[in-house]
N, C-alpha and C. Protein backbone atom coordinates (compact mmCIF):
# COMPACT_ATOMS: atom_id res chain seq x y z
N MET A 1 -27.67 -18.16 16.85
CA MET A 1 -28.12 -19.45 16.49
C MET A 1 -29.26 -19.09 15.29
N ALA A 2 -29.15 -19.84 14.36
CA ALA A 2 -30.67 -19.66 13.27
C ALA A 2 -30.62 -20.69 12.41
N SER A 3 -32.01 -21.10 12.52
CA SER A 3 -32.41 -22.28 11.77
C SER A 3 -33.90 -22.33 11.38
N ASN A 4 -34.44 -23.01 10.18
CA ASN A 4 -35.74 -22.74 9.55
C ASN A 4 -36.22 -24.26 10.21
N ASP A 5 -35.60 -25.01 11.06
CA ASP A 5 -36.02 -26.28 11.46
C ASP A 5 -36.57 -25.81 13.09
N GLU A 6 -37.73 -25.96 13.57
CA GLU A 6 -37.78 -25.94 14.92
C GLU A 6 -37.03 -26.79 16.07
N THR A 7 -37.24 -28.03 15.34
CA THR A 7 -36.87 -29.22 16.06
C THR A 7 -35.22 -28.80 16.27
N LEU A 8 -34.46 -28.88 15.17
CA LEU A 8 -33.18 -28.46 15.15
C LEU A 8 -33.03 -27.44 16.04
N ALA A 9 -33.58 -26.28 15.84
CA ALA A 9 -33.27 -25.47 16.70
C ALA A 9 -33.48 -25.29 17.98
N LYS A 10 -34.45 -26.52 18.45
CA LYS A 10 -34.71 -26.73 19.74
C LYS A 10 -33.50 -27.42 20.82
N VAL A 11 -33.19 -28.25 20.11
CA VAL A 11 -32.03 -28.96 20.16
C VAL A 11 -30.63 -28.39 20.67
N ALA A 12 -30.68 -27.35 19.48
CA ALA A 12 -29.53 -26.30 19.64
C ALA A 12 -29.74 -25.37 21.18
N ARG A 13 -30.98 -24.76 21.08
CA ARG A 13 -30.78 -24.08 22.20
C ARG A 13 -30.44 -25.06 23.44
N SER A 14 -31.01 -26.15 23.58
CA SER A 14 -30.53 -27.00 24.83
C SER A 14 -29.34 -27.61 24.77
N ILE A 15 -28.51 -27.71 23.98
CA ILE A 15 -27.15 -28.00 24.16
C ILE A 15 -26.36 -26.92 24.60
N ARG A 16 -26.53 -25.69 24.32
CA ARG A 16 -26.18 -24.16 24.43
C ARG A 16 -26.55 -23.95 26.26
N ASP A 17 -27.70 -24.66 26.37
CA ASP A 17 -27.92 -24.43 27.78
C ASP A 17 -27.99 -25.25 28.62
N TRP A 18 -26.51 -26.11 28.61
CA TRP A 18 -26.42 -27.03 29.80
C TRP A 18 -27.48 -28.42 29.43
N GLY A 19 -28.07 -28.49 28.52
CA GLY A 19 -28.60 -29.77 27.85
C GLY A 19 -29.87 -29.84 28.37
N ARG A 20 -30.35 -28.75 29.09
CA ARG A 20 -31.55 -28.48 29.81
C ARG A 20 -33.28 -28.87 28.29
N ASP A 21 -33.81 -30.03 28.91
CA ASP A 21 -35.17 -29.99 28.36
C ASP A 21 -36.34 -28.87 28.05
N CYS A 22 -36.02 -27.76 29.44
CA CYS A 22 -36.79 -27.05 29.44
C CYS A 22 -36.69 -25.98 28.35
N TYR A 23 -37.65 -25.21 27.81
CA TYR A 23 -37.38 -24.57 26.80
C TYR A 23 -38.00 -22.95 27.13
N CYS A 24 -38.19 -23.05 28.09
CA CYS A 24 -38.90 -21.35 28.77
C CYS A 24 -37.68 -20.25 28.71
N ALA A 25 -38.19 -19.28 28.31
CA ALA A 25 -36.98 -18.13 27.80
C ALA A 25 -36.97 -17.61 29.30
N GLY A 26 -35.59 -16.80 29.72
CA GLY A 26 -34.75 -16.17 30.60
C GLY A 26 -36.29 -15.93 31.56
N GLY A 27 -36.08 -16.02 32.52
CA GLY A 27 -37.11 -15.47 33.49
C GLY A 27 -38.59 -15.77 33.30
N GLU A 28 -39.33 -16.73 32.47
CA GLU A 28 -40.21 -17.64 32.56
C GLU A 28 -40.15 -18.85 33.62
N ASN A 29 -41.55 -19.24 33.27
CA ASN A 29 -41.60 -20.19 34.05
C ASN A 29 -43.07 -21.06 33.57
N ASN A 30 -42.66 -22.47 33.68
CA ASN A 30 -43.89 -23.25 33.26
C ASN A 30 -44.67 -22.95 32.03
N THR A 31 -43.83 -22.55 31.22
CA THR A 31 -44.45 -22.10 29.47
C THR A 31 -45.14 -23.16 29.22
N CYS A 32 -44.83 -24.60 29.42
CA CYS A 32 -45.77 -25.88 28.99
C CYS A 32 -46.63 -26.20 29.80
N GLY A 33 -46.90 -25.46 31.07
CA GLY A 33 -48.03 -25.80 31.60
C GLY A 33 -48.21 -26.95 32.57
N ARG A 34 -46.71 -28.07 32.17
CA ARG A 34 -46.40 -29.11 32.87
C ARG A 34 -45.54 -29.13 33.40
N ARG A 35 -45.06 -28.07 34.17
CA ARG A 35 -43.61 -28.64 34.87
C ARG A 35 -43.36 -29.00 35.71
N PHE A 36 -44.60 -29.55 36.69
CA PHE A 36 -44.27 -30.57 37.36
C PHE A 36 -45.26 -32.00 37.43
N SER A 37 -45.26 -32.07 36.28
CA SER A 37 -46.73 -33.19 36.03
C SER A 37 -45.71 -34.47 34.98
N GLN A 38 -44.52 -34.16 34.61
CA GLN A 38 -44.08 -35.28 33.31
C GLN A 38 -43.16 -36.19 34.00
N GLN A 39 -43.34 -37.10 33.38
CA GLN A 39 -42.34 -38.25 33.50
C GLN A 39 -41.32 -38.22 32.75
N PHE A 40 -39.68 -38.44 33.01
CA PHE A 40 -38.46 -38.11 32.35
C PHE A 40 -37.42 -39.34 32.68
N GLY A 41 -37.48 -40.13 31.77
CA GLY A 41 -36.81 -41.52 32.30
C GLY A 41 -36.78 -41.79 33.17
N SER A 42 -35.85 -42.10 34.11
CA SER A 42 -35.73 -42.98 35.57
C SER A 42 -35.98 -41.84 36.56
N LEU A 43 -36.52 -40.35 36.26
CA LEU A 43 -36.36 -39.53 37.42
C LEU A 43 -37.68 -39.83 37.76
N PRO A 44 -37.91 -39.05 39.30
CA PRO A 44 -39.15 -39.33 40.09
C PRO A 44 -40.46 -38.54 39.28
N SER A 45 -41.31 -39.22 39.41
CA SER A 45 -42.68 -38.63 38.76
C SER A 45 -42.85 -37.28 39.14
N GLY A 46 -43.04 -36.29 38.04
CA GLY A 46 -43.29 -34.62 38.49
C GLY A 46 -41.99 -33.89 38.96
N TYR A 47 -41.05 -34.52 38.60
CA TYR A 47 -39.60 -33.95 38.86
C TYR A 47 -39.64 -32.44 37.86
N ASP A 48 -39.29 -31.57 38.79
CA ASP A 48 -39.12 -29.98 37.94
C ASP A 48 -38.94 -30.42 36.39
N HIS A 49 -39.15 -29.60 35.87
CA HIS A 49 -38.85 -29.83 34.17
C HIS A 49 -38.00 -28.54 34.17
N LYS A 50 -37.85 -27.99 34.57
CA LYS A 50 -36.69 -26.82 34.44
C LYS A 50 -35.18 -27.65 34.85
N TYR A 51 -35.15 -28.43 35.72
CA TYR A 51 -33.80 -28.90 35.59
C TYR A 51 -33.64 -30.41 35.26
N VAL A 52 -34.72 -30.91 33.97
CA VAL A 52 -34.48 -32.24 33.49
C VAL A 52 -33.40 -31.91 32.32
N TYR A 53 -32.63 -32.71 31.94
CA TYR A 53 -31.37 -32.83 31.13
C TYR A 53 -31.48 -33.73 29.90
N SER A 54 -32.03 -33.13 28.98
CA SER A 54 -32.32 -34.21 27.80
C SER A 54 -30.96 -34.38 27.34
N HIS A 55 -29.77 -33.57 26.80
CA HIS A 55 -28.63 -33.79 25.97
C HIS A 55 -27.34 -33.19 26.90
N ILE A 56 -26.31 -33.98 26.45
CA ILE A 56 -25.18 -33.64 27.21
C ILE A 56 -24.69 -31.99 26.76
N GLY A 57 -24.30 -30.86 26.96
CA GLY A 57 -24.82 -29.73 26.94
C GLY A 57 -23.62 -28.83 27.54
N TYR A 58 -24.00 -27.55 27.45
CA TYR A 58 -22.71 -26.80 27.76
C TYR A 58 -23.37 -25.49 28.32
N ASN A 59 -22.54 -24.46 29.01
CA ASN A 59 -23.11 -23.17 29.08
C ASN A 59 -22.48 -22.21 28.17
N LEU A 60 -23.26 -21.79 27.11
CA LEU A 60 -22.98 -21.10 26.24
C LEU A 60 -23.63 -20.02 25.82
N LYS A 61 -24.48 -19.54 26.86
CA LYS A 61 -24.95 -18.61 27.01
C LYS A 61 -23.91 -17.16 26.95
N ALA A 62 -24.35 -16.18 26.03
CA ALA A 62 -23.54 -14.98 26.44
C ALA A 62 -24.04 -14.04 27.64
N THR A 63 -22.95 -13.68 27.88
CA THR A 63 -23.27 -12.55 29.01
C THR A 63 -23.74 -11.48 28.53
N ASP A 64 -24.18 -10.50 29.78
CA ASP A 64 -24.84 -9.07 29.19
C ASP A 64 -23.53 -8.27 28.03
N ILE A 65 -22.33 -8.38 28.83
CA ILE A 65 -21.44 -7.28 27.71
C ILE A 65 -21.24 -8.21 26.79
N GLN A 66 -20.87 -9.61 26.53
CA GLN A 66 -20.90 -10.03 25.35
C GLN A 66 -22.14 -9.70 23.97
N ALA A 67 -23.27 -9.80 24.91
CA ALA A 67 -24.20 -9.57 23.95
C ALA A 67 -24.03 -7.95 23.59
N ALA A 68 -23.73 -6.84 24.28
CA ALA A 68 -23.85 -5.95 24.05
C ALA A 68 -22.81 -5.29 22.99
N ILE A 69 -21.48 -6.05 23.01
CA ILE A 69 -20.48 -6.34 22.16
C ILE A 69 -21.04 -6.33 20.77
N GLY A 70 -21.75 -7.70 20.70
CA GLY A 70 -22.34 -8.06 19.71
C GLY A 70 -23.35 -7.46 19.00
N CYS A 71 -24.20 -6.89 19.72
CA CYS A 71 -25.19 -6.10 19.14
C CYS A 71 -24.91 -5.03 18.51
N ALA A 72 -23.66 -3.96 18.79
CA ALA A 72 -22.72 -2.83 18.64
C ALA A 72 -22.16 -3.58 17.22
N GLN A 73 -21.51 -4.60 17.14
CA GLN A 73 -20.88 -5.18 16.04
C GLN A 73 -21.65 -5.64 14.79
N MET A 74 -22.94 -5.88 15.22
CA MET A 74 -23.69 -6.24 13.99
C MET A 74 -24.05 -5.02 13.10
N ASP A 75 -23.85 -3.78 13.73
CA ASP A 75 -23.62 -2.53 12.75
C ASP A 75 -22.53 -2.31 11.73
N ARG A 76 -21.32 -3.25 11.80
CA ARG A 76 -20.00 -3.36 11.04
C ARG A 76 -20.38 -4.79 9.94
N LEU A 77 -21.34 -5.44 10.27
CA LEU A 77 -21.32 -7.01 10.04
C LEU A 77 -21.00 -7.05 8.24
N ASP A 78 -21.95 -6.32 7.63
CA ASP A 78 -21.57 -6.17 6.31
C ASP A 78 -20.12 -5.86 5.88
N GLY A 79 -19.65 -4.51 6.14
CA GLY A 79 -18.47 -4.40 6.16
C GLY A 79 -17.53 -5.32 6.34
N PHE A 80 -17.31 -6.13 7.52
CA PHE A 80 -16.69 -7.37 7.62
C PHE A 80 -16.52 -8.42 6.61
N THR A 81 -18.17 -8.77 6.22
CA THR A 81 -18.31 -9.75 5.28
C THR A 81 -17.73 -9.30 4.33
N ALA A 82 -17.76 -8.18 3.66
CA ALA A 82 -17.46 -7.54 2.45
C ALA A 82 -15.93 -7.67 2.18
N ALA A 83 -15.07 -7.50 3.27
CA ALA A 83 -13.69 -7.32 3.48
C ALA A 83 -13.07 -8.65 3.52
N ARG A 84 -13.64 -9.79 4.30
CA ARG A 84 -13.28 -11.47 4.27
C ARG A 84 -13.23 -11.53 2.77
N LYS A 85 -14.38 -11.22 2.17
CA LYS A 85 -14.56 -11.65 0.86
C LYS A 85 -14.09 -11.38 -0.29
N ARG A 86 -13.50 -9.99 0.00
CA ARG A 86 -12.04 -9.19 -0.87
C ARG A 86 -11.24 -9.93 -0.47
N ASN A 87 -10.70 -10.18 0.27
CA ASN A 87 -9.43 -10.51 0.62
C ASN A 87 -9.22 -12.01 0.32
N HIS A 88 -10.53 -12.87 0.41
CA HIS A 88 -10.11 -14.49 -0.11
C HIS A 88 -10.22 -14.46 -1.58
N ALA A 89 -10.82 -13.40 -2.36
CA ALA A 89 -10.82 -13.37 -3.61
C ALA A 89 -9.26 -13.03 -4.44
N PHE A 90 -8.67 -12.02 -3.28
CA PHE A 90 -7.39 -11.27 -3.68
C PHE A 90 -6.43 -12.60 -3.82
N LEU A 91 -6.40 -13.40 -2.58
CA LEU A 91 -5.65 -14.58 -2.41
C LEU A 91 -5.55 -15.65 -3.63
N SER A 92 -7.13 -15.88 -3.57
CA SER A 92 -7.54 -16.97 -4.66
C SER A 92 -7.12 -16.42 -6.05
N GLU A 93 -7.16 -15.27 -6.44
CA GLU A 93 -6.66 -15.17 -7.84
C GLU A 93 -4.90 -14.95 -7.72
N ALA A 94 -4.39 -14.48 -6.93
CA ALA A 94 -2.88 -14.22 -6.67
C ALA A 94 -1.98 -15.41 -6.81
N LEU A 95 -2.76 -17.06 -6.17
CA LEU A 95 -2.30 -18.09 -5.89
C LEU A 95 -2.64 -19.07 -6.74
N ALA A 96 -3.72 -18.58 -7.69
CA ALA A 96 -3.99 -19.81 -8.71
C ALA A 96 -3.00 -20.57 -9.94
N GLY A 97 -2.14 -19.44 -10.03
CA GLY A 97 -1.21 -19.99 -11.05
C GLY A 97 -0.08 -21.16 -9.84
N TYR A 98 -0.34 -21.57 -8.70
CA TYR A 98 0.18 -22.80 -8.31
C TYR A 98 -0.94 -24.15 -7.76
N GLY A 99 -2.04 -24.14 -9.07
CA GLY A 99 -2.58 -25.14 -8.56
C GLY A 99 -2.15 -26.38 -8.59
N ASP A 100 -0.97 -26.62 -9.22
CA ASP A 100 -0.41 -28.06 -9.44
C ASP A 100 0.23 -28.11 -8.46
N ARG A 101 0.40 -27.03 -7.09
CA ARG A 101 1.41 -27.91 -6.16
C ARG A 101 0.17 -27.21 -4.86
N LEU A 102 -1.01 -26.62 -5.12
CA LEU A 102 -1.51 -26.11 -3.93
C LEU A 102 -3.07 -26.03 -4.33
N VAL A 103 -3.81 -26.83 -3.57
CA VAL A 103 -5.06 -27.17 -3.80
C VAL A 103 -6.01 -25.89 -2.90
N LEU A 104 -6.50 -25.36 -3.75
CA LEU A 104 -6.97 -23.89 -3.13
C LEU A 104 -8.18 -23.87 -3.06
N PRO A 105 -8.90 -23.10 -1.95
CA PRO A 105 -10.06 -23.09 -1.23
C PRO A 105 -11.18 -22.81 -2.57
N LYS A 106 -12.55 -23.22 -2.47
CA LYS A 106 -13.56 -23.22 -3.83
C LYS A 106 -15.24 -23.18 -2.84
N ALA A 107 -15.59 -22.15 -3.11
CA ALA A 107 -17.28 -22.30 -2.22
C ALA A 107 -18.03 -23.54 -2.88
N THR A 108 -18.59 -24.31 -2.31
CA THR A 108 -19.86 -25.07 -2.72
C THR A 108 -20.66 -24.35 -3.50
N GLU A 109 -21.31 -25.07 -4.78
CA GLU A 109 -22.26 -24.56 -5.77
C GLU A 109 -23.42 -24.02 -4.75
N GLY A 110 -23.77 -22.66 -4.96
CA GLY A 110 -25.23 -22.44 -4.65
C GLY A 110 -24.70 -21.78 -3.09
N ALA A 111 -23.02 -21.52 -2.40
CA ALA A 111 -23.00 -20.88 -1.51
C ALA A 111 -22.40 -19.66 -1.75
N ASP A 112 -22.23 -18.81 -0.37
CA ASP A 112 -21.62 -17.45 -0.74
C ASP A 112 -21.07 -17.41 0.68
N PRO A 113 -20.11 -18.06 1.20
CA PRO A 113 -19.65 -17.62 2.28
C PRO A 113 -19.20 -16.26 2.68
N SER A 114 -19.24 -16.19 4.14
CA SER A 114 -18.24 -15.02 4.41
C SER A 114 -17.18 -15.61 5.22
N TRP A 115 -15.95 -15.74 4.34
CA TRP A 115 -14.99 -16.75 4.60
C TRP A 115 -14.03 -16.53 6.18
N PHE A 116 -14.01 -17.61 6.68
CA PHE A 116 -12.88 -17.16 8.35
C PHE A 116 -11.74 -17.36 7.80
N ALA A 117 -10.95 -17.92 6.73
CA ALA A 117 -9.58 -18.01 6.59
C ALA A 117 -9.63 -18.55 5.11
N PHE A 118 -8.46 -18.41 4.50
CA PHE A 118 -7.99 -19.07 3.44
C PHE A 118 -7.19 -20.21 3.38
N VAL A 119 -8.21 -21.22 3.17
CA VAL A 119 -7.27 -22.82 3.52
C VAL A 119 -6.65 -23.36 2.37
N ILE A 120 -5.65 -23.92 2.62
CA ILE A 120 -4.51 -24.54 1.59
C ILE A 120 -4.05 -25.77 1.99
N THR A 121 -4.20 -26.76 1.10
CA THR A 121 -3.72 -28.03 1.01
C THR A 121 -2.36 -28.20 0.07
N VAL A 122 -1.54 -28.54 0.75
CA VAL A 122 -0.13 -29.13 -0.19
C VAL A 122 -0.62 -30.26 -1.34
N ALA A 123 -0.32 -30.30 -2.41
CA ALA A 123 -1.04 -31.38 -3.05
C ALA A 123 -0.13 -32.49 -3.24
N SER A 124 -0.47 -33.50 -3.34
CA SER A 124 0.42 -34.41 -3.77
C SER A 124 1.49 -34.45 -4.44
N GLY A 125 2.68 -34.90 -4.64
CA GLY A 125 3.73 -34.43 -5.44
C GLY A 125 3.93 -33.15 -5.70
N ALA A 126 3.52 -32.25 -4.98
CA ALA A 126 4.05 -30.86 -4.63
C ALA A 126 5.58 -31.08 -5.29
N GLY A 127 6.50 -31.32 -4.14
CA GLY A 127 8.00 -31.41 -3.84
C GLY A 127 8.02 -30.76 -2.91
N PHE A 128 7.39 -30.68 -2.26
CA PHE A 128 7.56 -29.96 -0.93
C PHE A 128 6.62 -30.25 0.33
N SER A 129 6.71 -30.45 1.66
CA SER A 129 6.08 -30.66 2.70
C SER A 129 5.32 -29.39 2.96
N ARG A 130 4.19 -29.55 3.85
CA ARG A 130 3.38 -28.40 4.68
C ARG A 130 4.47 -27.87 5.32
N ASP A 131 5.54 -28.52 6.31
CA ASP A 131 6.10 -28.23 7.39
C ASP A 131 7.20 -27.00 6.46
N GLU A 132 8.14 -27.73 5.23
CA GLU A 132 8.77 -26.62 4.47
C GLU A 132 7.60 -25.54 4.54
N LEU A 133 6.96 -25.19 3.58
CA LEU A 133 6.34 -24.20 3.48
C LEU A 133 5.68 -23.31 4.28
N LEU A 134 5.28 -23.93 5.78
CA LEU A 134 5.08 -23.14 6.93
C LEU A 134 6.32 -22.54 7.51
N ALA A 135 7.29 -23.23 7.55
CA ALA A 135 8.67 -22.60 7.95
C ALA A 135 9.14 -21.28 7.43
N HIS A 136 9.13 -21.61 6.12
CA HIS A 136 9.04 -20.13 4.90
C HIS A 136 8.16 -19.28 5.56
N LEU A 137 7.12 -19.22 5.97
CA LEU A 137 5.87 -18.49 5.91
C LEU A 137 6.19 -17.57 7.21
N GLN A 138 6.24 -18.34 8.48
CA GLN A 138 6.57 -18.12 9.27
C GLN A 138 7.99 -17.49 9.92
N ALA A 139 8.85 -17.89 9.02
CA ALA A 139 10.04 -16.95 9.42
C ALA A 139 10.26 -15.43 8.91
N ARG A 140 8.92 -15.60 7.68
CA ARG A 140 8.89 -14.26 7.15
C ARG A 140 7.64 -13.14 7.71
N LYS A 141 7.04 -13.86 8.99
CA LYS A 141 6.32 -13.18 9.48
C LYS A 141 4.61 -13.41 8.76
N VAL A 142 4.46 -14.14 8.04
CA VAL A 142 3.21 -14.43 7.71
C VAL A 142 2.64 -15.45 8.58
N GLU A 143 1.47 -15.12 9.28
CA GLU A 143 0.82 -16.25 10.34
C GLU A 143 -0.04 -17.20 9.69
N THR A 144 0.45 -18.37 10.13
CA THR A 144 -0.49 -19.72 9.62
C THR A 144 -0.88 -20.57 10.77
N ARG A 145 -1.84 -21.09 10.62
CA ARG A 145 -2.65 -21.94 11.43
C ARG A 145 -2.85 -23.62 10.83
N ASN A 146 -2.74 -24.41 11.36
CA ASN A 146 -3.18 -25.54 11.06
C ASN A 146 -4.71 -25.67 10.91
N LEU A 147 -5.56 -26.28 9.90
CA LEU A 147 -6.83 -26.64 9.60
C LEU A 147 -7.28 -27.35 11.56
N PHE A 148 -7.24 -26.72 12.37
CA PHE A 148 -7.56 -27.38 13.68
C PHE A 148 -7.24 -28.47 14.06
N SER A 149 -8.18 -29.40 14.30
CA SER A 149 -7.24 -30.73 14.94
C SER A 149 -6.89 -31.82 13.39
N GLY A 150 -8.07 -31.71 12.61
CA GLY A 150 -7.24 -33.06 11.81
C GLY A 150 -7.87 -34.03 12.14
N ASN A 151 -7.01 -35.07 12.10
CA ASN A 151 -7.91 -36.65 12.80
C ASN A 151 -7.60 -36.51 14.36
N LEU A 152 -8.69 -35.98 14.94
CA LEU A 152 -8.68 -35.88 16.41
C LEU A 152 -8.38 -37.34 16.95
N LEU A 153 -8.54 -38.47 16.45
CA LEU A 153 -8.66 -39.36 17.18
C LEU A 153 -6.94 -39.95 17.23
N ARG A 154 -6.03 -38.89 16.75
CA ARG A 154 -4.52 -39.17 16.50
C ARG A 154 -4.25 -38.05 17.74
N HIS A 155 -4.86 -37.35 18.34
CA HIS A 155 -4.91 -36.46 19.62
C HIS A 155 -4.41 -37.06 20.97
N PRO A 156 -3.41 -36.61 21.96
CA PRO A 156 -3.56 -37.57 22.97
C PRO A 156 -4.67 -37.64 23.81
N GLY A 157 -5.37 -36.84 23.81
CA GLY A 157 -6.72 -36.77 24.81
C GLY A 157 -7.61 -37.60 24.47
N PHE A 158 -7.34 -38.20 22.88
CA PHE A 158 -8.72 -38.84 22.66
C PHE A 158 -7.98 -40.33 22.04
N CYS A 159 -6.90 -40.41 22.14
CA CYS A 159 -6.40 -41.76 21.90
C CYS A 159 -6.88 -43.23 22.37
N ASP A 160 -7.54 -42.91 23.50
CA ASP A 160 -8.17 -44.08 24.20
C ASP A 160 -9.60 -44.09 24.29
N ILE A 161 -10.33 -43.18 24.20
CA ILE A 161 -11.56 -43.15 24.20
C ILE A 161 -12.14 -43.91 23.43
N GLU A 162 -13.30 -44.58 24.32
CA GLU A 162 -14.16 -45.58 23.39
C GLU A 162 -14.65 -44.97 21.93
N HIS A 163 -14.54 -45.28 20.79
CA HIS A 163 -15.04 -44.96 19.24
C HIS A 163 -15.45 -45.76 18.41
N ARG A 164 -15.93 -45.50 17.56
CA ARG A 164 -16.24 -46.23 16.38
C ARG A 164 -15.78 -45.56 14.84
N VAL A 165 -14.93 -46.02 14.35
CA VAL A 165 -14.54 -45.56 13.22
C VAL A 165 -15.18 -46.00 11.87
N VAL A 166 -15.84 -45.36 10.75
CA VAL A 166 -16.24 -45.55 9.60
C VAL A 166 -15.04 -45.33 8.58
N GLY A 167 -14.85 -46.25 7.81
CA GLY A 167 -14.02 -45.93 6.79
C GLY A 167 -12.46 -45.64 7.06
N ASP A 168 -11.42 -45.39 6.25
CA ASP A 168 -10.24 -45.08 6.56
C ASP A 168 -9.56 -43.87 7.10
N LEU A 169 -10.45 -43.09 7.05
CA LEU A 169 -9.90 -41.31 7.19
C LEU A 169 -9.11 -41.12 6.42
N ARG A 170 -8.70 -41.50 5.38
CA ARG A 170 -7.75 -40.94 4.64
C ARG A 170 -7.80 -39.34 4.19
N ASN A 171 -8.90 -38.91 4.36
CA ASN A 171 -9.14 -37.66 3.86
C ASN A 171 -8.75 -36.84 5.06
N THR A 172 -9.24 -37.13 6.16
CA THR A 172 -8.79 -36.44 7.68
C THR A 172 -7.42 -36.75 8.12
N ASP A 173 -6.82 -37.55 7.52
CA ASP A 173 -5.17 -37.75 7.91
C ASP A 173 -4.35 -36.62 6.62
N ARG A 174 -5.43 -36.84 5.86
CA ARG A 174 -4.55 -35.56 4.79
C ARG A 174 -4.59 -34.29 5.32
N ILE A 175 -5.77 -33.75 5.72
CA ILE A 175 -5.87 -32.84 6.34
C ILE A 175 -4.84 -32.70 7.27
N THR A 176 -4.66 -33.41 8.53
CA THR A 176 -3.83 -33.24 9.57
C THR A 176 -2.26 -33.15 8.87
N SER A 177 -1.85 -33.67 7.87
CA SER A 177 -0.83 -33.34 7.53
C SER A 177 -0.21 -32.45 6.55
N ASP A 178 -1.39 -32.12 5.62
CA ASP A 178 -0.95 -31.25 4.40
C ASP A 178 -1.82 -29.70 4.50
N THR A 179 -2.62 -29.65 5.33
CA THR A 179 -3.74 -28.49 5.26
C THR A 179 -3.27 -27.18 5.88
N PHE A 180 -3.57 -26.27 5.52
CA PHE A 180 -3.34 -24.97 6.86
C PHE A 180 -4.15 -24.05 6.56
N PHE A 181 -4.25 -22.92 7.09
CA PHE A 181 -4.99 -21.90 6.56
C PHE A 181 -3.92 -20.33 7.16
N VAL A 182 -4.23 -19.29 5.84
CA VAL A 182 -3.72 -17.97 6.34
C VAL A 182 -5.12 -16.84 6.52
N GLY A 183 -4.82 -15.95 7.09
CA GLY A 183 -5.85 -15.36 7.68
C GLY A 183 -6.83 -14.47 6.34
N VAL A 184 -7.57 -14.02 6.67
CA VAL A 184 -8.60 -13.37 5.39
C VAL A 184 -9.13 -11.95 6.47
N TYR A 185 -8.54 -11.88 7.59
CA TYR A 185 -9.27 -10.81 8.68
C TYR A 185 -9.35 -9.61 7.91
N PRO A 186 -10.37 -9.06 8.49
CA PRO A 186 -11.15 -7.68 7.75
C PRO A 186 -10.14 -6.56 7.74
N GLY A 187 -9.25 -6.34 8.65
CA GLY A 187 -8.24 -5.60 8.81
C GLY A 187 -6.75 -5.71 8.16
N LEU A 188 -6.75 -6.66 7.36
CA LEU A 188 -6.04 -6.56 6.31
C LEU A 188 -5.99 -5.68 5.35
N SER A 189 -4.70 -4.84 4.84
CA SER A 189 -4.60 -3.94 3.65
C SER A 189 -4.18 -4.58 2.55
N THR A 190 -4.16 -3.96 1.32
CA THR A 190 -3.42 -4.47 0.42
C THR A 190 -2.34 -4.74 0.28
N PRO A 191 -1.57 -3.78 0.86
CA PRO A 191 -0.17 -4.07 0.81
C PRO A 191 0.47 -5.04 1.89
N GLU A 192 -0.37 -5.21 2.85
CA GLU A 192 0.14 -6.66 3.40
C GLU A 192 -0.46 -8.15 2.59
N LEU A 193 -1.48 -7.90 2.15
CA LEU A 193 -1.91 -9.04 1.46
C LEU A 193 -0.89 -9.62 0.18
N GLU A 194 -0.27 -8.14 -0.38
CA GLU A 194 0.80 -8.36 -1.40
C GLU A 194 1.85 -8.68 -0.93
N TYR A 195 2.24 -8.44 0.32
CA TYR A 195 3.59 -9.11 0.80
C TYR A 195 3.22 -10.57 1.12
N MET A 196 2.08 -10.97 2.00
CA MET A 196 1.96 -12.24 1.69
C MET A 196 2.15 -13.19 0.45
N VAL A 197 1.64 -12.90 -0.57
CA VAL A 197 1.60 -13.29 -1.65
C VAL A 197 3.18 -13.33 -2.03
N ASP A 198 3.93 -12.21 -2.04
CA ASP A 198 5.26 -12.30 -2.45
C ASP A 198 6.17 -13.25 -1.59
N VAL A 199 5.69 -13.82 -0.33
CA VAL A 199 6.25 -14.54 0.14
C VAL A 199 6.02 -16.09 -0.24
N PHE A 200 4.81 -16.53 -0.72
CA PHE A 200 4.35 -17.59 -1.43
C PHE A 200 5.34 -17.52 -2.54
N LYS A 201 5.00 -16.63 -3.27
CA LYS A 201 5.70 -16.36 -4.52
C LYS A 201 7.80 -16.81 -4.42
N GLY A 202 7.93 -16.24 -3.44
CA GLY A 202 9.52 -16.43 -2.80
C GLY A 202 9.74 -18.03 -3.06
N PHE A 203 8.63 -18.84 -1.99
CA PHE A 203 9.26 -20.06 -1.59
C PHE A 203 9.21 -20.89 -3.01
N MET A 204 7.91 -21.00 -3.85
CA MET A 204 7.48 -21.50 -5.28
C MET A 204 8.60 -21.56 -6.13
N ALA A 205 9.65 -20.28 -6.00
CA ALA A 205 10.70 -19.88 -7.31
C ALA A 205 11.76 -20.86 -6.70
N ARG A 206 12.00 -21.28 -5.73
CA ARG A 206 12.91 -21.54 -5.01
C ARG A 206 13.44 -23.22 -5.73
């Protein structure tokens, strides 16, 4: 986690750490000097600050082995980033001719992303559905994924939750029905990318 906003960083660290209000580093105690002398909500006065929970949080702290692997991978980060950018640029150029049928991803002005994936939306009036395109890709061993949940409120686990909706969610529903992605994994070779593009071309030529 990185931020130039200390307030935001403090909240993020809290959510990562079960939602605790305490900001002591591991192995430290009473950094604030008021561990047993504060009032929080309706808790008893002087309740141990290390066990006050100010946010709904999670246990997202890395284990020692995860941290060790992460540190080792940092030496390869520049290479991973360059490969993802290269693979994304390859697909962007190769599929640019289908802009009338596919909405292709573009970086926000001023951004220089290390792309997670190559996100595609089937354009309105394309003449085919996402399902038809995905069936063609999957049958030819080109893996695809939907763009995560799309409209989360349409999923079984969220249908009956108390919630508030602003607007008609038309873009969220569009993602649910028309958007997917293919990979830009750093280990993809040029022949593999070329094969992926050929499979797209075969579908578009039908």
